[in-house]
């Protein structure tokens, strides 16, 4: 899981939240918005879990979106281990 950002032709910035299965490289979902706070992220992950189920482990970087209380509490409540990658390394 990771975030990306871009802008439209009229220079309006937006962000994407991308969820990819590391095993088969399948894109499970992409959420797009001007703002993606942790509450929205966890609701989106719950929505994905309705179809795919909850994973045992999630690999993410250690940026604020994934180190805050909301995300950590959500992961614990769903039995998910958070695997933080080293800075500058995709794995």
PDB file of N, CA and C in Angstrom:
ATOM      1  N   UNK A   1       0.848  -1.167   0.000  1.00  0.00           N
ATOM      2  CA  UNK A   1       0.000   0.000   0.000  1.00  0.00           C
ATOM      3  C   UNK A   1       0.892   1.227   0.000  1.00  0.00           C
ATOM      4  N   UNK A   2       0.479   2.224  -0.751  1.00  0.00           N
ATOM      5  CA  UNK A   2       1.237   3.466  -0.767  1.00  0.00           C
ATOM      6  C   UNK A   2       0.379   4.573  -1.363  1.00  0.00           C
ATOM      7  N   UNK A   3       0.854   5.783  -1.187  1.00  0.00           N
ATOM      8  CA  UNK A   3       0.183   6.965  -1.710  1.00  0.00           C
ATOM      9  C   UNK A   3       0.990   7.524  -2.875  1.00  0.00           C
ATOM     10  N   UNK A   4       0.282   8.139  -3.807  1.00  0.00           N
ATOM     11  CA  UNK A   4       0.907   8.890  -4.892  1.00  0.00           C
ATOM     12  C   UNK A   4       0.131  10.191  -5.014  1.00  0.00           C
ATOM     13  N   UNK A   5       0.737  11.177  -5.655  1.00  0.00           N
ATOM     14  CA  UNK A   5       0.018  12.434  -5.869  1.00  0.00           C
ATOM     15  C   UNK A   5       0.295  12.951  -7.274  1.00  0.00           C
ATOM     16  N   UNK A   6      -0.624  13.755  -7.757  1.00  0.00           N
ATOM     17  CA  UNK A   6      -0.517  14.338  -9.089  1.00  0.00           C
ATOM     18  C   UNK A   6      -1.411  15.566  -9.119  1.00  0.00           C
ATOM     19  N   UNK A   7      -1.528  16.181 -10.275  1.00  0.00           N
ATOM     20  CA  UNK A   7      -2.436  17.319 -10.409  1.00  0.00           C
ATOM     21  C   UNK A   7      -3.141  17.238 -11.758  1.00  0.00           C
ATOM     22  N   UNK A   8      -4.320  17.836 -11.810  1.00  0.00           N
ATOM     23  CA  UNK A   8      -5.102  17.853 -13.036  1.00  0.00           C
ATOM     24  C   UNK A   8      -4.630  19.002 -13.922  1.00  0.00           C
ATOM     25  N   UNK A   9      -5.232  19.134 -15.067  1.00  0.00           N
ATOM     26  CA  UNK A   9      -4.850  20.218 -15.988  1.00  0.00           C
ATOM     27  C   UNK A   9      -5.011  21.597 -15.376  1.00  0.00           C
ATOM     28  N   UNK A  10      -6.014  21.742 -14.499  1.00  0.00           N
ATOM     29  CA  UNK A  10      -6.225  23.051 -13.872  1.00  0.00           C
ATOM     30  C   UNK A  10      -5.387  23.215 -12.590  1.00  0.00           C
ATOM     31  N   UNK A  11      -4.380  22.354 -12.434  1.00  0.00           N
ATOM     32  CA  UNK A  11      -3.410  22.410 -11.335  1.00  0.00           C
ATOM     33  C   UNK A  11      -3.993  22.020  -9.975  1.00  0.00           C
ATOM     34  N   UNK A  12      -5.162  21.415  -9.966  1.00  0.00           N
ATOM     35  CA  UNK A  12      -5.742  20.942  -8.696  1.00  0.00           C
ATOM     36  C   UNK A  12      -5.032  19.644  -8.300  1.00  0.00           C
ATOM     37  N   UNK A  13      -4.450  19.636  -7.114  1.00  0.00           N
ATOM     38  CA  UNK A  13      -3.710  18.470  -6.618  1.00  0.00           C
ATOM     39  C   UNK A  13      -4.676  17.397  -6.126  1.00  0.00           C
ATOM     40  N   UNK A  14      -4.314  16.143  -6.331  1.00  0.00           N
ATOM     41  CA  UNK A  14      -5.082  15.026  -5.785  1.00  0.00           C
ATOM     42  C   UNK A  14      -4.111  13.911  -5.418  1.00  0.00           C
ATOM     43  N   UNK A  15      -4.597  13.004  -4.580  1.00  0.00           N
ATOM     44  CA  UNK A  15      -3.772  11.881  -4.126  1.00  0.00           C
ATOM     45  C   UNK A  15      -4.478  10.577  -4.475  1.00  0.00           C
ATOM     46  N   UNK A  16      -3.681   9.536  -4.639  1.00  0.00           N
ATOM     47  CA  UNK A  16      -4.235   8.204  -4.826  1.00  0.00           C
ATOM     48  C   UNK A  16      -3.692   7.298  -3.726  1.00  0.00           C
ATOM     49  N   UNK A  17      -4.525   6.387  -3.277  1.00  0.00           N
ATOM     50  CA  UNK A  17      -4.137   5.361  -2.315  1.00  0.00           C
ATOM     51  C   UNK A  17      -4.223   4.038  -3.046  1.00  0.00           C
ATOM     52  N   UNK A  18      -3.080   3.388  -3.233  1.00  0.00           N
ATOM     53  CA  UNK A  18      -2.983   2.188  -4.056  1.00  0.00           C
ATOM     54  C   UNK A  18      -2.749   0.962  -3.178  1.00  0.00           C
ATOM     55  N   UNK A  19      -3.559  -0.072  -3.398  1.00  0.00           N
ATOM     56  CA  UNK A  19      -3.424  -1.324  -2.647  1.00  0.00           C
ATOM     57  C   UNK A  19      -3.110  -2.430  -3.649  1.00  0.00           C
ATOM     58  N   UNK A  20      -1.926  -3.042  -3.490  1.00  0.00           N
ATOM     59  CA  UNK A  20      -1.467  -4.070  -4.420  1.00  0.00           C
ATOM     60  C   UNK A  20      -1.105  -5.324  -3.629  1.00  0.00           C
ATOM     61  N   UNK A  21      -1.525  -6.482  -4.130  1.00  0.00           N
ATOM     62  CA  UNK A  21      -1.168  -7.762  -3.533  1.00  0.00           C
ATOM     63  C   UNK A  21       0.268  -8.085  -3.947  1.00  0.00           C
ATOM     64  N   UNK A  22       1.178  -8.167  -2.971  1.00  0.00           N
ATOM     65  CA  UNK A  22       2.590  -8.447  -3.279  1.00  0.00           C
ATOM     66  C   UNK A  22       2.798  -9.821  -3.903  1.00  0.00           C
ATOM     67  N   UNK A  23       1.941 -10.776  -3.575  1.00  0.00           N
ATOM     68  CA  UNK A  23       2.137 -12.142  -4.065  1.00  0.00           C
ATOM     69  C   UNK A  23       1.920 -12.240  -5.571  1.00  0.00           C
ATOM     70  N   UNK A  24       0.799 -11.712  -6.051  1.00  0.00           N
ATOM     71  CA  UNK A  24       0.507 -11.854  -7.480  1.00  0.00           C
ATOM     72  C   UNK A  24       0.498 -10.531  -8.247  1.00  0.00           C
ATOM     73  N   UNK A  25       0.856  -9.435  -7.563  1.00  0.00           N
ATOM     74  CA  UNK A  25       0.939  -8.093  -8.155  1.00  0.00           C
ATOM     75  C   UNK A  25      -0.402  -7.589  -8.672  1.00  0.00           C
ATOM     76  N   UNK A  26      -1.498  -8.117  -8.142  1.00  0.00           N
ATOM     77  CA  UNK A  26      -2.829  -7.668  -8.525  1.00  0.00           C
ATOM     78  C   UNK A  26      -3.154  -6.361  -7.811  1.00  0.00           C
ATOM     79  N   UNK A  27      -3.655  -5.389  -8.563  1.00  0.00           N
ATOM     80  CA  UNK A  27      -4.115  -4.144  -7.953  1.00  0.00           C
ATOM     81  C   UNK A  27      -5.484  -4.410  -7.348  1.00  0.00           C
ATOM     82  N   UNK A  28      -5.563  -4.385  -6.031  1.00  0.00           N
ATOM     83  CA  UNK A  28      -6.812  -4.681  -5.347  1.00  0.00           C
ATOM     84  C   UNK A  28      -7.735  -3.468  -5.309  1.00  0.00           C
ATOM     85  N   UNK A  29      -7.150  -2.275  -5.322  1.00  0.00           N
ATOM     86  CA  UNK A  29      -7.978  -1.081  -5.305  1.00  0.00           C
ATOM     87  C   UNK A  29      -7.161   0.193  -5.342  1.00  0.00           C
ATOM     88  N   UNK A  30      -7.793   1.242  -5.828  1.00  0.00           N
ATOM     89  CA  UNK A  30      -7.201   2.575  -5.855  1.00  0.00           C
ATOM     90  C   UNK A  30      -8.276   3.561  -5.436  1.00  0.00           C
ATOM     91  N   UNK A  31      -7.994   4.337  -4.401  1.00  0.00           N
ATOM     92  CA  UNK A  31      -8.917   5.378  -3.947  1.00  0.00           C
ATOM     93  C   UNK A  31      -8.304   6.726  -4.326  1.00  0.00           C
ATOM     94  N   UNK A  32      -9.094   7.617  -4.863  1.00  0.00           N
ATOM     95  CA  UNK A  32      -8.602   8.910  -5.336  1.00  0.00           C
ATOM     96  C   UNK A  32      -9.386  10.019  -4.659  1.00  0.00           C
ATOM     97  N   UNK A  33      -8.665  11.000  -4.114  1.00  0.00           N
ATOM     98  CA  UNK A  33      -9.316  12.132  -3.452  1.00  0.00           C
ATOM     99  C   UNK A  33      -8.316  13.266  -3.282  1.00  0.00           C
ATOM    100  N   UNK A  34      -8.845  14.426  -2.934  1.00  0.00           N
ATOM    101  CA  UNK A  34      -7.987  15.571  -2.629  1.00  0.00           C
ATOM    102  C   UNK A  34      -7.293  15.347  -1.287  1.00  0.00           C
ATOM    103  N   UNK A  35      -7.997  14.703  -0.365  1.00  0.00           N
ATOM    104  CA  UNK A  35      -7.455  14.427   0.963  1.00  0.00           C
ATOM    105  C   UNK A  35      -7.750  12.971   1.316  1.00  0.00           C
ATOM    106  N   UNK A  36      -6.758  12.272   1.869  1.00  0.00           N
ATOM    107  CA  UNK A  36      -6.928  10.871   2.251  1.00  0.00           C
ATOM    108  C   UNK A  36      -6.498  10.666   3.706  1.00  0.00           C
ATOM    109  N   UNK A  37      -7.327  11.086   4.657  1.00  0.00           N
ATOM    110  CA  UNK A  37      -6.989  10.897   6.071  1.00  0.00           C
ATOM    111  C   UNK A  37      -7.100   9.422   6.468  1.00  0.00           C
ATOM    112  N   UNK A  38      -6.531   9.086   7.609  1.00  0.00           N
ATOM    113  CA  UNK A  38      -6.472   7.699   8.065  1.00  0.00           C
ATOM    114  C   UNK A  38      -7.850   7.067   8.199  1.00  0.00           C
ATOM    115  N   UNK A  39      -8.834   7.816   8.651  1.00  0.00           N
ATOM    116  CA  UNK A  39     -10.179   7.266   8.774  1.00  0.00           C
ATOM    117  C   UNK A  39     -10.737   6.816   7.442  1.00  0.00           C
ATOM    118  N   UNK A  40     -10.500   7.592   6.421  1.00  0.00           N
ATOM    119  CA  UNK A  40     -10.969   7.215   5.074  1.00  0.00           C
ATOM    120  C   UNK A  40     -10.218   5.982   4.585  1.00  0.00           C
ATOM    121  N   UNK A  41      -8.925   5.925   4.869  1.00  0.00           N
ATOM    122  CA  UNK A  41      -8.110   4.784   4.441  1.00  0.00           C
ATOM    123  C   UNK A  41      -8.614   3.499   5.087  1.00  0.00           C
ATOM    124  N   UNK A  42      -8.860   3.526   6.390  1.00  0.00           N
ATOM    125  CA  UNK A  42      -9.310   2.310   7.065  1.00  0.00           C
ATOM    126  C   UNK A  42     -10.705   1.893   6.590  1.00  0.00           C
ATOM    127  N   UNK A  43     -11.583   2.857   6.316  1.00  0.00           N
ATOM    128  CA  UNK A  43     -12.904   2.514   5.764  1.00  0.00           C
ATOM    129  C   UNK A  43     -12.764   1.873   4.379  1.00  0.00           C
ATOM    130  N   UNK A  44     -11.842   2.390   3.580  1.00  0.00           N
ATOM    131  CA  UNK A  44     -11.609   1.826   2.252  1.00  0.00           C
ATOM    132  C   UNK A  44     -11.047   0.403   2.364  1.00  0.00           C
ATOM    133  N   UNK A  45     -10.143   0.188   3.297  1.00  0.00           N
ATOM    134  CA  UNK A  45      -9.585  -1.152   3.483  1.00  0.00           C
ATOM    135  C   UNK A  45     -10.650  -2.132   3.970  1.00  0.00           C
ATOM    136  N   UNK A  46     -11.566  -1.673   4.823  1.00  0.00           N
ATOM    137  CA  UNK A  46     -12.678  -2.520   5.247  1.00  0.00           C
ATOM    138  C   UNK A  46     -13.548  -2.904   4.050  1.00  0.00           C
ATOM    139  N   UNK A  47     -13.749  -1.963   3.156  1.00  0.00           N
ATOM    140  CA  UNK A  47     -14.541  -2.217   1.946  1.00  0.00           C
ATOM    141  C   UNK A  47     -13.850  -3.264   1.060  1.00  0.00           C
ATOM    142  N   UNK A  48     -12.539  -3.139   0.892  1.00  0.00           N
ATOM    143  CA  UNK A  48     -11.788  -4.127   0.114  1.00  0.00           C
ATOM    144  C   UNK A  48     -11.849  -5.499   0.780  1.00  0.00           C
ATOM    145  N   UNK A  49     -11.817  -5.523   2.107  1.00  0.00           N
ATOM    146  CA  UNK A  49     -11.834  -6.785   2.846  1.00  0.00           C
ATOM    147  C   UNK A  49     -13.161  -7.526   2.680  1.00  0.00           C
ATOM    148  N   UNK A  50     -14.234  -6.815   2.401  1.00  0.00           N
ATOM    149  CA  UNK A  50     -15.516  -7.478   2.154  1.00  0.00           C
ATOM    150  C   UNK A  50     -15.413  -8.433   0.972  1.00  0.00           C
ATOM    151  N   UNK A  51     -14.590  -8.088   0.022  1.00  0.00           N
ATOM    152  CA  UNK A  51     -14.425  -8.919  -1.171  1.00  0.00           C
ATOM    153  C   UNK A  51     -13.219  -9.855  -1.068  1.00  0.00           C
ATOM    154  N   UNK A  52     -12.086  -9.338  -0.596  1.00  0.00           N
ATOM    155  CA  UNK A  52     -10.831 -10.094  -0.598  1.00  0.00           C
ATOM    156  C   UNK A  52     -10.507 -10.739   0.750  1.00  0.00           C
ATOM    157  N   UNK A  53     -11.154 -10.306   1.817  1.00  0.00           N
ATOM    158  CA  UNK A  53     -10.797 -10.769   3.152  1.00  0.00           C
ATOM    159  C   UNK A  53      -9.651  -9.928   3.710  1.00  0.00           C
ATOM    160  N   UNK A  54      -9.437 -10.025   5.013  1.00  0.00           N
ATOM    161  CA  UNK A  54      -8.350  -9.271   5.645  1.00  0.00           C
ATOM    162  C   UNK A  54      -7.043 -10.039   5.498  1.00  0.00           C
ATOM    163  N   UNK A  55      -5.960  -9.339   5.196  1.00  0.00           N
ATOM    164  CA  UNK A  55      -4.666 -10.020   5.089  1.00  0.00           C
ATOM    165  C   UNK A  55      -4.097 -10.308   6.478  1.00  0.00           C
ATOM    166  N   UNK A  56      -3.128 -11.191   6.531  1.00  0.00           N
ATOM    167  CA  UNK A  56      -2.433 -11.450   7.792  1.00  0.00           C
ATOM    168  C   UNK A  56      -1.389 -10.379   8.066  1.00  0.00           C
ATOM    169  N   UNK A  57      -0.833  -9.823   6.969  1.00  0.00           N
ATOM    170  CA  UNK A  57       0.233  -8.822   7.109  1.00  0.00           C
ATOM    171  C   UNK A  57       0.091  -7.781   6.016  1.00  0.00           C
ATOM    172  N   UNK A  58       0.414  -6.531   6.374  1.00  0.00           N
ATOM    173  CA  UNK A  58       0.428  -5.430   5.412  1.00  0.00           C
ATOM    174  C   UNK A  58       1.825  -4.813   5.430  1.00  0.00           C
ATOM    175  N   UNK A  59       2.400  -4.619   4.232  1.00  0.00           N
ATOM    176  CA  UNK A  59       3.726  -3.989   4.125  1.00  0.00           C
ATOM    177  C   UNK A  59       3.537  -2.538   3.694  1.00  0.00           C
ATOM    178  N   UNK A  60       4.048  -1.615   4.495  1.00  0.00           N
ATOM    179  CA  UNK A  60       3.914  -0.177   4.223  1.00  0.00           C
ATOM    180  C   UNK A  60       5.192   0.541   4.623  1.00  0.00           C
ATOM    181  N   UNK A  61       5.320   1.800   4.167  1.00  0.00           N
ATOM    182  CA  UNK A  61       6.438   2.616   4.626  1.00  0.00           C
ATOM    183  C   UNK A  61       6.072   3.213   5.987  1.00  0.00           C
ATOM    184  N   UNK A  62       6.993   3.927   6.575  1.00  0.00           N
ATOM    185  CA  UNK A  62       6.747   4.459   7.927  1.00  0.00           C
ATOM    186  C   UNK A  62       6.393   5.944   7.910  1.00  0.00           C
ATOM    187  N   UNK A  63       5.643   6.353   6.901  1.00  0.00           N
ATOM    188  CA  UNK A  63       5.164   7.733   6.828  1.00  0.00           C
ATOM    189  C   UNK A  63       3.949   7.897   7.742  1.00  0.00           C
ATOM    190  N   UNK A  64       3.580   9.132   8.064  1.00  0.00           N
ATOM    191  CA  UNK A  64       2.508   9.384   9.036  1.00  0.00           C
ATOM    192  C   UNK A  64       1.180   8.687   8.756  1.00  0.00           C
ATOM    193  N   UNK A  65       0.835   8.486   7.506  1.00  0.00           N
ATOM    194  CA  UNK A  65      -0.434   7.832   7.198  1.00  0.00           C
ATOM    195  C   UNK A  65      -0.536   6.412   7.726  1.00  0.00           C
ATOM    196  N   UNK A  66       0.613   5.770   7.924  1.00  0.00           N
ATOM    197  CA  UNK A  66       0.624   4.378   8.370  1.00  0.00           C
ATOM    198  C   UNK A  66       1.190   4.197   9.778  1.00  0.00           C
ATOM    199  N   UNK A  67       1.611   5.255  10.419  1.00  0.00           N
ATOM    200  CA  UNK A  67       2.168   5.130  11.772  1.00  0.00           C
ATOM    201  C   UNK A  67       1.266   5.736  12.838  1.00  0.00           C
ATOM    202  N   UNK A  68       0.166   6.322  12.424  1.00  0.00           N
ATOM    203  CA  UNK A  68      -0.745   6.962  13.376  1.00  0.00           C
ATOM    204  C   UNK A  68      -1.625   5.964  14.119  1.00  0.00           C
ATOM    205  N   UNK A  69      -2.190   6.427  15.193  1.00  0.00           N
ATOM    206  CA  UNK A  69      -3.025   5.601  16.070  1.00  0.00           C
ATOM    207  C   UNK A  69      -4.214   4.990  15.341  1.00  0.00           C
ATOM    208  N   UNK A  70      -4.869   5.746  14.486  1.00  0.00           N
ATOM    209  CA  UNK A  70      -6.055   5.244  13.780  1.00  0.00           C
ATOM    210  C   UNK A  70      -5.719   3.998  12.967  1.00  0.00           C
ATOM    211  N   UNK A  71      -4.645   4.061  12.182  1.00  0.00           N
ATOM    212  CA  UNK A  71      -4.268   2.933  11.330  1.00  0.00           C
ATOM    213  C   UNK A  71      -3.772   1.756  12.164  1.00  0.00           C
ATOM    214  N   UNK A  72      -2.939   2.019  13.139  1.00  0.00           N
ATOM    215  CA  UNK A  72      -2.396   0.938  13.980  1.00  0.00           C
ATOM    216  C   UNK A  72      -3.516   0.236  14.742  1.00  0.00           C
ATOM    217  N   UNK A  73      -4.440   0.988  15.313  1.00  0.00           N
ATOM    218  CA  UNK A  73      -5.563   0.395  16.036  1.00  0.00           C
ATOM    219  C   UNK A  73      -6.449  -0.434  15.104  1.00  0.00           C
ATOM    220  N   UNK A  74      -6.674   0.069  13.887  1.00  0.00           N
ATOM    221  CA  UNK A  74      -7.466  -0.677  12.906  1.00  0.00           C
ATOM    222  C   UNK A  74      -6.796  -2.018  12.596  1.00  0.00           C
ATOM    223  N   UNK A  75      -5.494  -1.992  12.355  1.00  0.00           N
ATOM    224  CA  UNK A  75      -4.769  -3.226  12.038  1.00  0.00           C
ATOM    225  C   UNK A  75      -4.855  -4.218  13.206  1.00  0.00           C
ATOM    226  N   UNK A  76      -4.622  -3.752  14.414  1.00  0.00           N
ATOM    227  CA  UNK A  76      -4.692  -4.637  15.587  1.00  0.00           C
ATOM    228  C   UNK A  76      -6.078  -5.239  15.736  1.00  0.00           C
ATOM    229  N   UNK A  77      -7.113  -4.433  15.558  1.00  0.00           N
ATOM    230  CA  UNK A  77      -8.479  -4.924  15.742  1.00  0.00           C
ATOM    231  C   UNK A  77      -8.874  -5.960  14.688  1.00  0.00           C
ATOM    232  N   UNK A  78      -8.162  -6.001  13.571  1.00  0.00           N
ATOM    233  CA  UNK A  78      -8.449  -6.976  12.513  1.00  0.00           C
ATOM    234  C   UNK A  78      -7.396  -8.076  12.432  1.00  0.00           C
ATOM    235  N   UNK A  79      -6.511  -8.136  13.432  1.00  0.00           N
ATOM    236  CA  UNK A  79      -5.506  -9.202  13.484  1.00  0.00           C
ATOM    237  C   UNK A  79      -4.453  -9.113  12.401  1.00  0.00           C
ATOM    238  N   UNK A  80      -4.119  -7.900  11.984  1.00  0.00           N
ATOM    239  CA  UNK A  80      -3.168  -7.686  10.894  1.00  0.00           C
ATOM    240  C   UNK A  80      -1.836  -7.202  11.467  1.00  0.00           C
ATOM    241  N   UNK A  81      -0.756  -7.828  11.039  1.00  0.00           N
ATOM    242  CA  UNK A  81       0.591  -7.393  11.401  1.00  0.00           C
ATOM    243  C   UNK A  81       1.031  -6.328  10.409  1.00  0.00           C
ATOM    244  N   UNK A  82       1.617  -5.255  10.909  1.00  0.00           N
ATOM    245  CA  UNK A  82       2.130  -4.199  10.033  1.00  0.00           C
ATOM    246  C   UNK A  82       3.626  -4.424   9.860  1.00  0.00           C
ATOM    247  N   UNK A  83       4.060  -4.565   8.617  1.00  0.00           N
ATOM    248  CA  UNK A  83       5.469  -4.776   8.280  1.00  0.00           C
ATOM    249  C   UNK A  83       5.985  -3.480   7.656  1.00  0.00           C
ATOM    250  N   UNK A  84       6.743  -2.696   8.436  1.00  0.00           N
ATOM    251  CA  UNK A  84       7.281  -1.427   7.943  1.00  0.00           C
ATOM    252  C   UNK A  84       8.577  -1.680   7.164  1.00  0.00           C
ATOM    253  N   UNK A  85       8.655  -1.135   5.953  1.00  0.00           N
ATOM    254  CA  UNK A  85       9.867  -1.265   5.149  1.00  0.00           C
ATOM    255  C   UNK A  85      10.903  -0.245   5.588  1.00  0.00           C
ATOM    256  N   UNK A  86      12.162  -0.494   5.242  1.00  0.00           N
ATOM    257  CA  UNK A  86      13.221   0.454   5.534  1.00  0.00           C
ATOM    258  C   UNK A  86      13.097   1.650   4.604  1.00  0.00           C
ATOM    259  N   UNK A  87      13.451   2.816   5.091  1.00  0.00           N
ATOM    260  CA  UNK A  87      13.401   4.037   4.274  1.00  0.00           C
ATOM    261  C   UNK A  87      14.239   3.860   3.009  1.00  0.00           C
ATOM    262  N   UNK A  88      13.665   4.260   1.881  1.00  0.00           N
ATOM    263  CA  UNK A  88      14.372   4.209   0.610  1.00  0.00           C
ATOM    264  C   UNK A  88      14.376   2.838  -0.049  1.00  0.00           C
ATOM    265  N   UNK A  89      13.703   1.857   0.538  1.00  0.00           N
ATOM    266  CA  UNK A  89      13.675   0.518  -0.019  1.00  0.00           C
ATOM    267  C   UNK A  89      12.226   0.085  -0.240  1.00  0.00           C
ATOM    268  N   UNK A  90      11.895  -0.405  -1.436  1.00  0.00           N
ATOM    269  CA  UNK A  90      10.516  -0.845  -1.668  1.00  0.00           C
ATOM    270  C   UNK A  90      10.169  -2.146  -0.959  1.00  0.00           C
ATOM    271  N   UNK A  91      11.178  -2.873  -0.462  1.00  0.00           N
ATOM    272  CA  UNK A  91      10.921  -4.145   0.217  1.00  0.00           C
ATOM    273  C   UNK A  91      11.621  -4.149   1.548  1.00  0.00           C
TER     274      UNK A  91
END
